[in-house]
PDB file of N, CA and C in Angstrom:
ATOM      1  N   UNK A   1     -12.612   4.817  25.494  1.00  0.00           N
ATOM      2  CA  UNK A   1     -11.549   4.714  24.524  1.00  0.00           C
ATOM      3  C   UNK A   1     -11.950   3.711  23.445  1.00  0.00           C
ATOM      4  N   UNK A   2     -11.762   4.074  22.191  1.00  0.00           N
ATOM      5  CA  UNK A   2     -12.154   3.203  21.078  1.00  0.00           C
ATOM      6  C   UNK A   2     -11.148   2.078  20.898  1.00  0.00           C
ATOM      7  N   UNK A   3     -11.673   0.938  20.504  1.00  0.00           N
ATOM      8  CA  UNK A   3     -10.827  -0.219  20.216  1.00  0.00           C
ATOM      9  C   UNK A   3     -10.457  -0.190  18.740  1.00  0.00           C
ATOM     10  N   UNK A   4      -9.178  -0.399  18.468  1.00  0.00           N
ATOM     11  CA  UNK A   4      -8.705  -0.418  17.101  1.00  0.00           C
ATOM     12  C   UNK A   4      -9.076  -1.748  16.467  1.00  0.00           C
ATOM     13  N   UNK A   5      -9.706  -1.687  15.324  1.00  0.00           N
ATOM     14  CA  UNK A   5     -10.102  -2.893  14.604  1.00  0.00           C
ATOM     15  C   UNK A   5      -9.224  -3.035  13.373  1.00  0.00           C
ATOM     16  N   UNK A   6      -8.653  -4.222  13.210  1.00  0.00           N
ATOM     17  CA  UNK A   6      -7.791  -4.486  12.060  1.00  0.00           C
ATOM     18  C   UNK A   6      -8.533  -5.286  11.017  1.00  0.00           C
ATOM     19  N   UNK A   7      -8.150  -5.091   9.780  1.00  0.00           N
ATOM     20  CA  UNK A   7      -8.691  -5.876   8.676  1.00  0.00           C
ATOM     21  C   UNK A   7      -7.907  -7.187   8.554  1.00  0.00           C
ATOM     22  N   UNK A   8      -6.578  -7.064   8.628  1.00  0.00           N
ATOM     23  CA  UNK A   8      -5.713  -8.229   8.494  1.00  0.00           C
ATOM     24  C   UNK A   8      -5.544  -8.913   9.849  1.00  0.00           C
ATOM     25  N   UNK A   9      -5.413 -10.229   9.821  1.00  0.00           N
ATOM     26  CA  UNK A   9      -5.287 -11.003  11.055  1.00  0.00           C
ATOM     27  C   UNK A   9      -3.985 -10.674  11.769  1.00  0.00           C
ATOM     28  N   UNK A  10      -3.938 -10.997  13.036  1.00  0.00           N
ATOM     29  CA  UNK A  10      -2.725 -10.792  13.828  1.00  0.00           C
ATOM     30  C   UNK A  10      -1.547 -11.559  13.213  1.00  0.00           C
ATOM     31  N   UNK A  11      -1.786 -12.771  12.779  1.00  0.00           N
ATOM     32  CA  UNK A  11      -0.728 -13.590  12.168  1.00  0.00           C
ATOM     33  C   UNK A  11      -0.200 -12.908  10.910  1.00  0.00           C
ATOM     34  N   UNK A  12      -1.078 -12.386  10.105  1.00  0.00           N
ATOM     35  CA  UNK A  12      -0.668 -11.683   8.888  1.00  0.00           C
ATOM     36  C   UNK A  12       0.122 -10.431   9.236  1.00  0.00           C
ATOM     37  N   UNK A  13      -0.343  -9.685  10.230  1.00  0.00           N
ATOM     38  CA  UNK A  13       0.357  -8.455  10.631  1.00  0.00           C
ATOM     39  C   UNK A  13       1.749  -8.754  11.172  1.00  0.00           C
ATOM     40  N   UNK A  14       1.890  -9.832  11.931  1.00  0.00           N
ATOM     41  CA  UNK A  14       3.202 -10.205  12.471  1.00  0.00           C
ATOM     42  C   UNK A  14       4.127 -10.666  11.345  1.00  0.00           C
ATOM     43  N   UNK A  15       3.587 -11.460  10.418  1.00  0.00           N
ATOM     44  CA  UNK A  15       4.374 -11.936   9.288  1.00  0.00           C
ATOM     45  C   UNK A  15       4.826 -10.767   8.414  1.00  0.00           C
ATOM     46  N   UNK A  16       3.969  -9.762   8.284  1.00  0.00           N
ATOM     47  CA  UNK A  16       4.262  -8.593   7.469  1.00  0.00           C
ATOM     48  C   UNK A  16       5.582  -7.930   7.897  1.00  0.00           C
ATOM     49  N   UNK A  17       5.812  -7.895   9.191  1.00  0.00           N
ATOM     50  CA  UNK A  17       7.001  -7.225   9.732  1.00  0.00           C
ATOM     51  C   UNK A  17       8.294  -7.927   9.332  1.00  0.00           C
ATOM     52  N   UNK A  18       8.213  -9.196   8.939  1.00  0.00           N
ATOM     53  CA  UNK A  18       9.418  -9.953   8.570  1.00  0.00           C
ATOM     54  C   UNK A  18       9.690  -9.904   7.073  1.00  0.00           C
ATOM     55  N   UNK A  19       8.783  -9.336   6.308  1.00  0.00           N
ATOM     56  CA  UNK A  19       8.899  -9.345   4.845  1.00  0.00           C
ATOM     57  C   UNK A  19       9.744  -8.197   4.328  1.00  0.00           C
ATOM     58  N   UNK A  20      10.267  -8.374   3.119  1.00  0.00           N
ATOM     59  CA  UNK A  20      11.082  -7.335   2.495  1.00  0.00           C
ATOM     60  C   UNK A  20      10.208  -6.129   2.137  1.00  0.00           C
ATOM     61  N   UNK A  21      10.847  -4.997   2.002  1.00  0.00           N
ATOM     62  CA  UNK A  21      10.130  -3.790   1.622  1.00  0.00           C
ATOM     63  C   UNK A  21       9.501  -3.955   0.236  1.00  0.00           C
ATOM     64  N   UNK A  22      10.191  -4.627  -0.669  1.00  0.00           N
ATOM     65  CA  UNK A  22       9.630  -4.849  -2.014  1.00  0.00           C
ATOM     66  C   UNK A  22       8.348  -5.678  -1.916  1.00  0.00           C
ATOM     67  N   UNK A  23       8.350  -6.690  -1.060  1.00  0.00           N
ATOM     68  CA  UNK A  23       7.153  -7.510  -0.847  1.00  0.00           C
ATOM     69  C   UNK A  23       6.017  -6.656  -0.300  1.00  0.00           C
ATOM     70  N   UNK A  24       6.330  -5.858   0.709  1.00  0.00           N
ATOM     71  CA  UNK A  24       5.309  -5.012   1.329  1.00  0.00           C
ATOM     72  C   UNK A  24       4.721  -4.025   0.329  1.00  0.00           C
ATOM     73  N   UNK A  25       5.573  -3.316  -0.383  1.00  0.00           N
ATOM     74  CA  UNK A  25       5.099  -2.306  -1.329  1.00  0.00           C
ATOM     75  C   UNK A  25       4.392  -2.960  -2.520  1.00  0.00           C
ATOM     76  N   UNK A  26       4.864  -4.111  -2.942  1.00  0.00           N
ATOM     77  CA  UNK A  26       4.191  -4.825  -4.029  1.00  0.00           C
ATOM     78  C   UNK A  26       2.782  -5.238  -3.635  1.00  0.00           C
ATOM     79  N   UNK A  27       2.614  -5.677  -2.388  1.00  0.00           N
ATOM     80  CA  UNK A  27       1.295  -6.069  -1.920  1.00  0.00           C
ATOM     81  C   UNK A  27       0.382  -4.858  -1.684  1.00  0.00           C
ATOM     82  N   UNK A  28       0.961  -3.769  -1.234  1.00  0.00           N
ATOM     83  CA  UNK A  28       0.184  -2.532  -1.159  1.00  0.00           C
ATOM     84  C   UNK A  28      -0.300  -2.191  -2.569  1.00  0.00           C
ATOM     85  N   UNK A  29       0.590  -2.365  -3.536  1.00  0.00           N
ATOM     86  CA  UNK A  29       0.229  -2.104  -4.921  1.00  0.00           C
ATOM     87  C   UNK A  29      -0.937  -2.942  -5.417  1.00  0.00           C
ATOM     88  N   UNK A  30      -1.039  -4.168  -4.926  1.00  0.00           N
ATOM     89  CA  UNK A  30      -2.192  -5.012  -5.296  1.00  0.00           C
ATOM     90  C   UNK A  30      -3.495  -4.379  -4.843  1.00  0.00           C
ATOM     91  N   UNK A  31      -3.483  -3.842  -3.627  1.00  0.00           N
ATOM     92  CA  UNK A  31      -4.689  -3.182  -3.115  1.00  0.00           C
ATOM     93  C   UNK A  31      -4.939  -1.865  -3.841  1.00  0.00           C
ATOM     94  N   UNK A  32      -3.871  -1.146  -4.162  1.00  0.00           N
ATOM     95  CA  UNK A  32      -4.016   0.093  -4.931  1.00  0.00           C
ATOM     96  C   UNK A  32      -4.648  -0.225  -6.282  1.00  0.00           C
ATOM     97  N   UNK A  33      -4.164  -1.283  -6.914  1.00  0.00           N
ATOM     98  CA  UNK A  33      -4.704  -1.704  -8.195  1.00  0.00           C
ATOM     99  C   UNK A  33      -6.195  -2.025  -8.097  1.00  0.00           C
ATOM    100  N   UNK A  34      -6.573  -2.738  -7.057  1.00  0.00           N
ATOM    101  CA  UNK A  34      -7.992  -3.060  -6.849  1.00  0.00           C
ATOM    102  C   UNK A  34      -8.810  -1.786  -6.635  1.00  0.00           C
ATOM    103  N   UNK A  35      -8.283  -0.874  -5.840  1.00  0.00           N
ATOM    104  CA  UNK A  35      -8.988   0.383  -5.588  1.00  0.00           C
ATOM    105  C   UNK A  35      -9.187   1.162  -6.883  1.00  0.00           C
ATOM    106  N   UNK A  36      -8.147   1.225  -7.692  1.00  0.00           N
ATOM    107  CA  UNK A  36      -8.245   1.931  -8.972  1.00  0.00           C
ATOM    108  C   UNK A  36      -9.264   1.255  -9.882  1.00  0.00           C
ATOM    109  N   UNK A  37      -9.196  -0.074  -9.960  1.00  0.00           N
ATOM    110  CA  UNK A  37     -10.101  -0.827 -10.832  1.00  0.00           C
ATOM    111  C   UNK A  37     -11.551  -0.634 -10.445  1.00  0.00           C
ATOM    112  N   UNK A  38     -11.833  -0.778  -9.120  1.00  0.00           N
ATOM    113  CA  UNK A  38     -13.225  -0.678  -8.679  1.00  0.00           C
ATOM    114  C   UNK A  38     -13.754   0.754  -8.769  1.00  0.00           C
ATOM    115  N   UNK A  39     -12.862   1.718  -8.580  1.00  0.00           N
ATOM    116  CA  UNK A  39     -13.269   3.108  -8.749  1.00  0.00           C
ATOM    117  C   UNK A  39     -13.642   3.355 -10.204  1.00  0.00           C
ATOM    118  N   UNK A  40     -12.814   2.878 -11.115  1.00  0.00           N
ATOM    119  CA  UNK A  40     -13.057   3.045 -12.553  1.00  0.00           C
ATOM    120  C   UNK A  40     -14.370   2.367 -12.975  1.00  0.00           C
ATOM    121  N   UNK A  41     -14.665   1.224 -12.362  1.00  0.00           N
ATOM    122  CA  UNK A  41     -15.893   0.483 -12.695  1.00  0.00           C
ATOM    123  C   UNK A  41     -17.121   1.041 -11.979  1.00  0.00           C
ATOM    124  N   UNK A  42     -16.918   2.027 -11.102  1.00  0.00           N
ATOM    125  CA  UNK A  42     -18.031   2.646 -10.414  1.00  0.00           C
ATOM    126  C   UNK A  42     -18.559   1.876  -9.209  1.00  0.00           C
ATOM    127  N   UNK A  43     -17.777   0.908  -8.731  1.00  0.00           N
ATOM    128  CA  UNK A  43     -18.187   0.138  -7.554  1.00  0.00           C
ATOM    129  C   UNK A  43     -17.455   0.704  -6.340  1.00  0.00           C
ATOM    130  N   UNK A  44     -18.005   1.762  -5.760  1.00  0.00           N
ATOM    131  CA  UNK A  44     -17.319   2.469  -4.677  1.00  0.00           C
ATOM    132  C   UNK A  44     -17.205   1.643  -3.412  1.00  0.00           C
ATOM    133  N   UNK A  45     -18.163   0.756  -3.153  1.00  0.00           N
ATOM    134  CA  UNK A  45     -18.096  -0.091  -1.947  1.00  0.00           C
ATOM    135  C   UNK A  45     -16.865  -0.986  -2.005  1.00  0.00           C
ATOM    136  N   UNK A  46     -16.623  -1.617  -3.152  1.00  0.00           N
ATOM    137  CA  UNK A  46     -15.452  -2.476  -3.291  1.00  0.00           C
ATOM    138  C   UNK A  46     -14.174  -1.646  -3.308  1.00  0.00           C
ATOM    139  N   UNK A  47     -14.222  -0.488  -3.945  1.00  0.00           N
ATOM    140  CA  UNK A  47     -13.067   0.412  -3.968  1.00  0.00           C
ATOM    141  C   UNK A  47     -12.699   0.828  -2.543  1.00  0.00           C
ATOM    142  N   UNK A  48     -13.702   1.169  -1.742  1.00  0.00           N
ATOM    143  CA  UNK A  48     -13.450   1.586  -0.359  1.00  0.00           C
ATOM    144  C   UNK A  48     -12.803   0.491   0.460  1.00  0.00           C
ATOM    145  N   UNK A  49     -13.206  -0.745   0.250  1.00  0.00           N
ATOM    146  CA  UNK A  49     -12.598  -1.863   0.973  1.00  0.00           C
ATOM    147  C   UNK A  49     -11.125  -2.018   0.594  1.00  0.00           C
ATOM    148  N   UNK A  50     -10.828  -1.895  -0.699  1.00  0.00           N
ATOM    149  CA  UNK A  50      -9.434  -1.976  -1.150  1.00  0.00           C
ATOM    150  C   UNK A  50      -8.613  -0.810  -0.598  1.00  0.00           C
ATOM    151  N   UNK A  51      -9.207   0.368  -0.570  1.00  0.00           N
ATOM    152  CA  UNK A  51      -8.539   1.537  -0.011  1.00  0.00           C
ATOM    153  C   UNK A  51      -8.222   1.308   1.465  1.00  0.00           C
ATOM    154  N   UNK A  52      -9.177   0.788   2.210  1.00  0.00           N
ATOM    155  CA  UNK A  52      -8.963   0.505   3.632  1.00  0.00           C
ATOM    156  C   UNK A  52      -7.841  -0.514   3.831  1.00  0.00           C
ATOM    157  N   UNK A  53      -7.837  -1.566   3.013  1.00  0.00           N
ATOM    158  CA  UNK A  53      -6.770  -2.570   3.132  1.00  0.00           C
ATOM    159  C   UNK A  53      -5.423  -1.972   2.792  1.00  0.00           C
ATOM    160  N   UNK A  54      -5.371  -1.142   1.735  1.00  0.00           N
ATOM    161  CA  UNK A  54      -4.105  -0.498   1.357  1.00  0.00           C
ATOM    162  C   UNK A  54      -3.592   0.390   2.476  1.00  0.00           C
ATOM    163  N   UNK A  55      -4.484   1.172   3.075  1.00  0.00           N
ATOM    164  CA  UNK A  55      -4.049   2.061   4.160  1.00  0.00           C
ATOM    165  C   UNK A  55      -3.533   1.266   5.352  1.00  0.00           C
ATOM    166  N   UNK A  56      -4.186   0.157   5.673  1.00  0.00           N
ATOM    167  CA  UNK A  56      -3.695  -0.659   6.778  1.00  0.00           C
ATOM    168  C   UNK A  56      -2.311  -1.222   6.457  1.00  0.00           C
ATOM    169  N   UNK A  57      -2.107  -1.659   5.217  1.00  0.00           N
ATOM    170  CA  UNK A  57      -0.797  -2.191   4.835  1.00  0.00           C
ATOM    171  C   UNK A  57       0.261  -1.084   4.814  1.00  0.00           C
ATOM    172  N   UNK A  58      -0.116   0.100   4.364  1.00  0.00           N
ATOM    173  CA  UNK A  58       0.810   1.239   4.452  1.00  0.00           C
ATOM    174  C   UNK A  58       1.233   1.452   5.902  1.00  0.00           C
ATOM    175  N   UNK A  59       0.268   1.473   6.807  1.00  0.00           N
ATOM    176  CA  UNK A  59       0.575   1.734   8.208  1.00  0.00           C
ATOM    177  C   UNK A  59       1.427   0.626   8.816  1.00  0.00           C
ATOM    178  N   UNK A  60       1.174  -0.607   8.451  1.00  0.00           N
ATOM    179  CA  UNK A  60       2.013  -1.703   8.932  1.00  0.00           C
ATOM    180  C   UNK A  60       3.430  -1.577   8.402  1.00  0.00           C
ATOM    181  N   UNK A  61       3.555  -1.191   7.148  1.00  0.00           N
ATOM    182  CA  UNK A  61       4.883  -1.015   6.534  1.00  0.00           C
ATOM    183  C   UNK A  61       5.627   0.132   7.206  1.00  0.00           C
ATOM    184  N   UNK A  62       4.933   1.210   7.459  1.00  0.00           N
ATOM    185  CA  UNK A  62       5.550   2.351   8.134  1.00  0.00           C
ATOM    186  C   UNK A  62       6.015   1.949   9.530  1.00  0.00           C
ATOM    187  N   UNK A  63       5.174   1.225  10.264  1.00  0.00           N
ATOM    188  CA  UNK A  63       5.564   0.813  11.618  1.00  0.00           C
ATOM    189  C   UNK A  63       6.713  -0.181  11.585  1.00  0.00           C
ATOM    190  N   UNK A  64       6.805  -0.977  10.533  1.00  0.00           N
ATOM    191  CA  UNK A  64       7.899  -1.949  10.412  1.00  0.00           C
ATOM    192  C   UNK A  64       9.210  -1.250  10.060  1.00  0.00           C
ATOM    193  N   UNK A  65       9.148  -0.067   9.514  1.00  0.00           N
ATOM    194  CA  UNK A  65      10.343   0.636   9.030  1.00  0.00           C
ATOM    195  C   UNK A  65      10.594   1.957   9.756  1.00  0.00           C
ATOM    196  N   UNK A  66      10.118   2.060  10.994  1.00  0.00           N
ATOM    197  CA  UNK A  66      10.214   3.324  11.708  1.00  0.00           C
ATOM    198  C   UNK A  66      11.616   3.714  12.138  1.00  0.00           C
ATOM    199  N   UNK A  67      12.503   2.779  12.298  1.00  0.00           N
ATOM    200  CA  UNK A  67      13.803   3.087  12.897  1.00  0.00           C
ATOM    201  C   UNK A  67      14.801   3.612  11.870  1.00  0.00           C
ATOM    202  N   UNK A  68      14.570   4.829  11.426  1.00  0.00           N
ATOM    203  CA  UNK A  68      15.498   5.519  10.535  1.00  0.00           C
ATOM    204  C   UNK A  68      15.813   4.734   9.270  1.00  0.00           C
ATOM    205  N   UNK A  69      14.870   3.975   8.776  1.00  0.00           N
ATOM    206  CA  UNK A  69      15.070   3.256   7.525  1.00  0.00           C
ATOM    207  C   UNK A  69      15.216   4.276   6.400  1.00  0.00           C
ATOM    208  N   UNK A  70      16.184   4.064   5.496  1.00  0.00           N
ATOM    209  CA  UNK A  70      16.387   5.054   4.437  1.00  0.00           C
ATOM    210  C   UNK A  70      15.188   5.245   3.515  1.00  0.00           C
ATOM    211  N   UNK A  71      14.290   4.275   3.476  1.00  0.00           N
ATOM    212  CA  UNK A  71      13.126   4.367   2.581  1.00  0.00           C
ATOM    213  C   UNK A  71      11.875   4.901   3.273  1.00  0.00           C
ATOM    214  N   UNK A  72      11.962   5.208   4.558  1.00  0.00           N
ATOM    215  CA  UNK A  72      10.773   5.638   5.290  1.00  0.00           C
ATOM    216  C   UNK A  72      10.133   6.876   4.655  1.00  0.00           C
ATOM    217  N   UNK A  73      10.945   7.833   4.251  1.00  0.00           N
ATOM    218  CA  UNK A  73      10.406   9.051   3.640  1.00  0.00           C
ATOM    219  C   UNK A  73       9.634   8.712   2.372  1.00  0.00           C
ATOM    220  N   UNK A  74      10.158   7.800   1.568  1.00  0.00           N
ATOM    221  CA  UNK A  74       9.462   7.422   0.330  1.00  0.00           C
ATOM    222  C   UNK A  74       8.136   6.723   0.643  1.00  0.00           C
ATOM    223  N   UNK A  75       8.132   5.859   1.643  1.00  0.00           N
ATOM    224  CA  UNK A  75       6.895   5.160   2.023  1.00  0.00           C
ATOM    225  C   UNK A  75       5.840   6.189   2.461  1.00  0.00           C
ATOM    226  N   UNK A  76       6.276   7.142   3.270  1.00  0.00           N
ATOM    227  CA  UNK A  76       5.345   8.183   3.730  1.00  0.00           C
ATOM    228  C   UNK A  76       4.816   9.031   2.571  1.00  0.00           C
ATOM    229  N   UNK A  77       5.688   9.337   1.621  1.00  0.00           N
ATOM    230  CA  UNK A  77       5.247  10.113   0.450  1.00  0.00           C
ATOM    231  C   UNK A  77       4.284   9.296  -0.409  1.00  0.00           C
ATOM    232  N   UNK A  78       4.547   8.000  -0.551  1.00  0.00           N
ATOM    233  CA  UNK A  78       3.643   7.145  -1.334  1.00  0.00           C
ATOM    234  C   UNK A  78       2.269   7.089  -0.689  1.00  0.00           C
ATOM    235  N   UNK A  79       2.220   7.016   0.638  1.00  0.00           N
ATOM    236  CA  UNK A  79       0.946   7.006   1.346  1.00  0.00           C
ATOM    237  C   UNK A  79       0.224   8.342   1.164  1.00  0.00           C
ATOM    238  N   UNK A  80       0.995   9.428   1.261  1.00  0.00           N
ATOM    239  CA  UNK A  80       0.393  10.755   1.090  1.00  0.00           C
ATOM    240  C   UNK A  80      -0.171  10.912  -0.321  1.00  0.00           C
ATOM    241  N   UNK A  81       0.565  10.459  -1.325  1.00  0.00           N
ATOM    242  CA  UNK A  81       0.093  10.547  -2.704  1.00  0.00           C
ATOM    243  C   UNK A  81      -1.170   9.706  -2.906  1.00  0.00           C
ATOM    244  N   UNK A  82      -1.191   8.522  -2.334  1.00  0.00           N
ATOM    245  CA  UNK A  82      -2.356   7.644  -2.398  1.00  0.00           C
ATOM    246  C   UNK A  82      -3.583   8.341  -1.795  1.00  0.00           C
ATOM    247  N   UNK A  83      -3.400   8.910  -0.613  1.00  0.00           N
ATOM    248  CA  UNK A  83      -4.508   9.606   0.052  1.00  0.00           C
ATOM    249  C   UNK A  83      -4.950  10.835  -0.733  1.00  0.00           C
ATOM    250  N   UNK A  84      -3.999  11.558  -1.280  1.00  0.00           N
ATOM    251  CA  UNK A  84      -4.318  12.729  -2.090  1.00  0.00           C
ATOM    252  C   UNK A  84      -5.142  12.336  -3.304  1.00  0.00           C
ATOM    253  N   UNK A  85      -4.808  11.209  -3.913  1.00  0.00           N
ATOM    254  CA  UNK A  85      -5.522  10.747  -5.108  1.00  0.00           C
ATOM    255  C   UNK A  85      -6.960  10.345  -4.770  1.00  0.00           C
ATOM    256  N   UNK A  86      -7.136   9.580  -3.692  1.00  0.00           N
ATOM    257  CA  UNK A  86      -8.455   9.039  -3.386  1.00  0.00           C
ATOM    258  C   UNK A  86      -9.326   9.943  -2.497  1.00  0.00           C
ATOM    259  N   UNK A  87      -8.709  10.813  -1.689  1.00  0.00           N
ATOM    260  CA  UNK A  87      -9.495  11.564  -0.712  1.00  0.00           C
ATOM    261  C   UNK A  87      -9.466  13.086  -0.884  1.00  0.00           C
ATOM    262  N   UNK A  88      -8.500  13.592  -1.623  1.00  0.00           N
ATOM    263  CA  UNK A  88      -8.337  15.048  -1.713  1.00  0.00           C
ATOM    264  C   UNK A  88      -8.510  15.500  -3.149  1.00  0.00           C
ATOM    265  N   UNK A  89      -7.795  16.537  -3.524  1.00  0.00           N
ATOM    266  CA  UNK A  89      -7.981  17.132  -4.844  1.00  0.00           C
ATOM    267  C   UNK A  89      -6.910  16.723  -5.844  1.00  0.00           C
ATOM    268  N   UNK A  90      -6.155  15.663  -5.538  1.00  0.00           N
ATOM    269  CA  UNK A  90      -5.098  15.163  -6.423  1.00  0.00           C
ATOM    270  C   UNK A  90      -4.100  16.252  -6.785  1.00  0.00           C
ATOM    271  N   UNK A  91      -3.631  16.973  -5.761  1.00  0.00           N
ATOM    272  CA  UNK A  91      -2.676  18.046  -5.986  1.00  0.00           C
ATOM    273  C   UNK A  91      -1.330  17.510  -6.495  1.00  0.00           C
ATOM    274  N   UNK A  92      -1.081  16.218  -6.288  1.00  0.00           N
ATOM    275  CA  UNK A  92       0.144  15.607  -6.817  1.00  0.00           C
ATOM    276  C   UNK A  92       0.009  15.323  -8.312  1.00  0.00           C
ATOM    277  N   UNK A  93      -1.190  15.499  -8.847  1.00  0.00           N
ATOM    278  CA  UNK A  93      -1.482  15.245 -10.252  1.00  0.00           C
ATOM    279  C   UNK A  93      -1.087  13.838 -10.687  1.00  0.00           C
ATOM    280  N   UNK A  94      -1.441  12.892  -9.856  1.00  0.00           N
ATOM    281  CA  UNK A  94      -1.172  11.492 -10.133  1.00  0.00           C
ATOM    282  C   UNK A  94      -2.290  10.943 -11.005  1.00  0.00           C
ATOM    283  N   UNK A  95      -1.937  10.038 -11.896  1.00  0.00           N
ATOM    284  CA  UNK A  95      -2.979   9.334 -12.629  1.00  0.00           C
ATOM    285  C   UNK A  95      -2.833   7.839 -12.330  1.00  0.00           C
ATOM    286  N   UNK A  96      -3.852   7.096 -12.670  1.00  0.00           N
ATOM    287  CA  UNK A  96      -3.874   5.679 -12.309  1.00  0.00           C
ATOM    288  C   UNK A  96      -2.738   4.894 -12.966  1.00  0.00           C
ATOM    289  N   UNK A  97      -2.351   5.270 -14.166  1.00  0.00           N
ATOM    290  CA  UNK A  97      -1.278   4.562 -14.872  1.00  0.00           C
ATOM    291  C   UNK A  97       0.054   4.776 -14.153  1.00  0.00           C
ATOM    292  N   UNK A  98       0.352   6.024 -13.796  1.00  0.00           N
ATOM    293  CA  UNK A  98       1.600   6.317 -13.073  1.00  0.00           C
ATOM    294  C   UNK A  98       1.633   5.601 -11.731  1.00  0.00           C
ATOM    295  N   UNK A  99       0.496   5.618 -11.042  1.00  0.00           N
ATOM    296  CA  UNK A  99       0.439   4.987  -9.727  1.00  0.00           C
ATOM    297  C   UNK A  99       0.666   3.477  -9.849  1.00  0.00           C
ATOM    298  N   UNK A 100       0.024   2.858 -10.831  1.00  0.00           N
ATOM    299  CA  UNK A 100       0.168   1.420 -11.008  1.00  0.00           C
ATOM    300  C   UNK A 100       1.609   1.052 -11.375  1.00  0.00           C
ATOM    301  N   UNK A 101       2.233   1.830 -12.246  1.00  0.00           N
ATOM    302  CA  UNK A 101       3.619   1.580 -12.628  1.00  0.00           C
ATOM    303  C   UNK A 101       4.562   1.615 -11.430  1.00  0.00           C
ATOM    304  N   UNK A 102       4.337   2.551 -10.551  1.00  0.00           N
ATOM    305  CA  UNK A 102       5.174   2.694  -9.359  1.00  0.00           C
ATOM    306  C   UNK A 102       5.156   1.395  -8.537  1.00  0.00           C
ATOM    307  N   UNK A 103       3.981   0.873  -8.260  1.00  0.00           N
ATOM    308  CA  UNK A 103       3.874  -0.316  -7.433  1.00  0.00           C
ATOM    309  C   UNK A 103       4.259  -1.579  -8.177  1.00  0.00           C
ATOM    310  N   UNK A 104       4.061  -1.600  -9.482  1.00  0.00           N
ATOM    311  CA  UNK A 104       4.485  -2.770 -10.268  1.00  0.00           C
ATOM    312  C   UNK A 104       5.989  -2.968 -10.180  1.00  0.00           C
ATOM    313  N   UNK A 105       6.724  -1.879 -10.073  1.00  0.00           N
ATOM    314  CA  UNK A 105       8.177  -1.986  -9.927  1.00  0.00           C
ATOM    315  C   UNK A 105       8.573  -2.744  -8.688  1.00  0.00           C
ATOM    316  N   UNK A 106       7.870  -2.530  -7.587  1.00  0.00           N
ATOM    317  CA  UNK A 106       8.162  -3.254  -6.347  1.00  0.00           C
ATOM    318  C   UNK A 106       7.805  -4.729  -6.472  1.00  0.00           C
ATOM    319  N   UNK A 107       6.676  -5.004  -7.114  1.00  0.00           N
ATOM    320  CA  UNK A 107       6.263  -6.399  -7.301  1.00  0.00           C
ATOM    321  C   UNK A 107       7.303  -7.144  -8.136  1.00  0.00           C
ATOM    322  N   UNK A 108       7.789  -6.496  -9.182  1.00  0.00           N
ATOM    323  CA  UNK A 108       8.820  -7.134 -10.027  1.00  0.00           C
ATOM    324  C   UNK A 108      10.122  -7.314  -9.257  1.00  0.00           C
ATOM    325  N   UNK A 109      10.490  -6.320  -8.469  1.00  0.00           N
ATOM    326  CA  UNK A 109      11.701  -6.419  -7.672  1.00  0.00           C
ATOM    327  C   UNK A 109      11.611  -7.611  -6.712  1.00  0.00           C
ATOM    328  N   UNK A 110      10.479  -7.780  -6.086  1.00  0.00           N
ATOM    329  CA  UNK A 110      10.304  -8.896  -5.160  1.00  0.00           C
ATOM    330  C   UNK A 110      10.340 -10.228  -5.908  1.00  0.00           C
ATOM    331  N   UNK A 111       9.709 -10.245  -7.059  1.00  0.00           N
ATOM    332  CA  UNK A 111       9.655 -11.489  -7.833  1.00  0.00           C
ATOM    333  C   UNK A 111      11.051 -11.923  -8.270  1.00  0.00           C
ATOM    334  N   UNK A 112      11.929 -10.974  -8.554  1.00  0.00           N
ATOM    335  CA  UNK A 112      13.272 -11.277  -9.030  1.00  0.00           C
ATOM    336  C   UNK A 112      14.304 -11.391  -7.897  1.00  0.00           C
ATOM    337  N   UNK A 113      13.871 -11.141  -6.672  1.00  0.00           N
ATOM    338  CA  UNK A 113      14.812 -11.141  -5.529  1.00  0.00           C
ATOM    339  C   UNK A 113      15.296 -12.574  -5.276  1.00  0.00           C
ATOM    340  N   UNK A 114      16.637 -12.761  -5.244  1.00  0.00           N
ATOM    341  CA  UNK A 114      17.175 -14.080  -4.954  1.00  0.00           C
ATOM    342  C   UNK A 114      16.775 -14.550  -3.557  1.00  0.00           C
ATOM    343  N   UNK A 115      16.422 -15.781  -3.423  1.00  0.00           N
ATOM    344  CA  UNK A 115      16.116 -16.364  -2.129  1.00  0.00           C
ATOM    345  C   UNK A 115      14.782 -15.954  -1.556  1.00  0.00           C
ATOM    346  N   UNK A 116      13.901 -15.408  -2.376  1.00  0.00           N
ATOM    347  CA  UNK A 116      12.589 -15.016  -1.848  1.00  0.00           C
ATOM    348  C   UNK A 116      11.810 -16.228  -1.430  1.00  0.00           C
ATOM    349  N   UNK A 117      10.887 -16.011  -0.482  1.00  0.00           N
ATOM    350  CA  UNK A 117      10.088 -17.121   0.041  1.00  0.00           C
ATOM    351  C   UNK A 117       9.088 -17.626  -0.961  1.00  0.00           C
TER     352      UNK A 117
END
């Protein structure tokens, strides 16, 4: 049986579960932004690392929101769109500008959230 290897530390993964959805999606957006940037610059090794980190954060967010959270469907669709863009034929017809705008909205929401850490 294969051992699952994580990119993010156990402490980070545990802390992730306590964070707001806006925080989680905004941070996923940071990795998406890096993946887009490195892909555009032709540095696929760095792009792949950002893609891997984004996917791990997506999966942590999904596991944190599994219990019938009203946003779970949107999180799953965002992950599917991300994978379609980077691994498939971009059937969602997403472009880097639209993708970046989507995640920037979460980052702004978190930044403006009252009482944020």
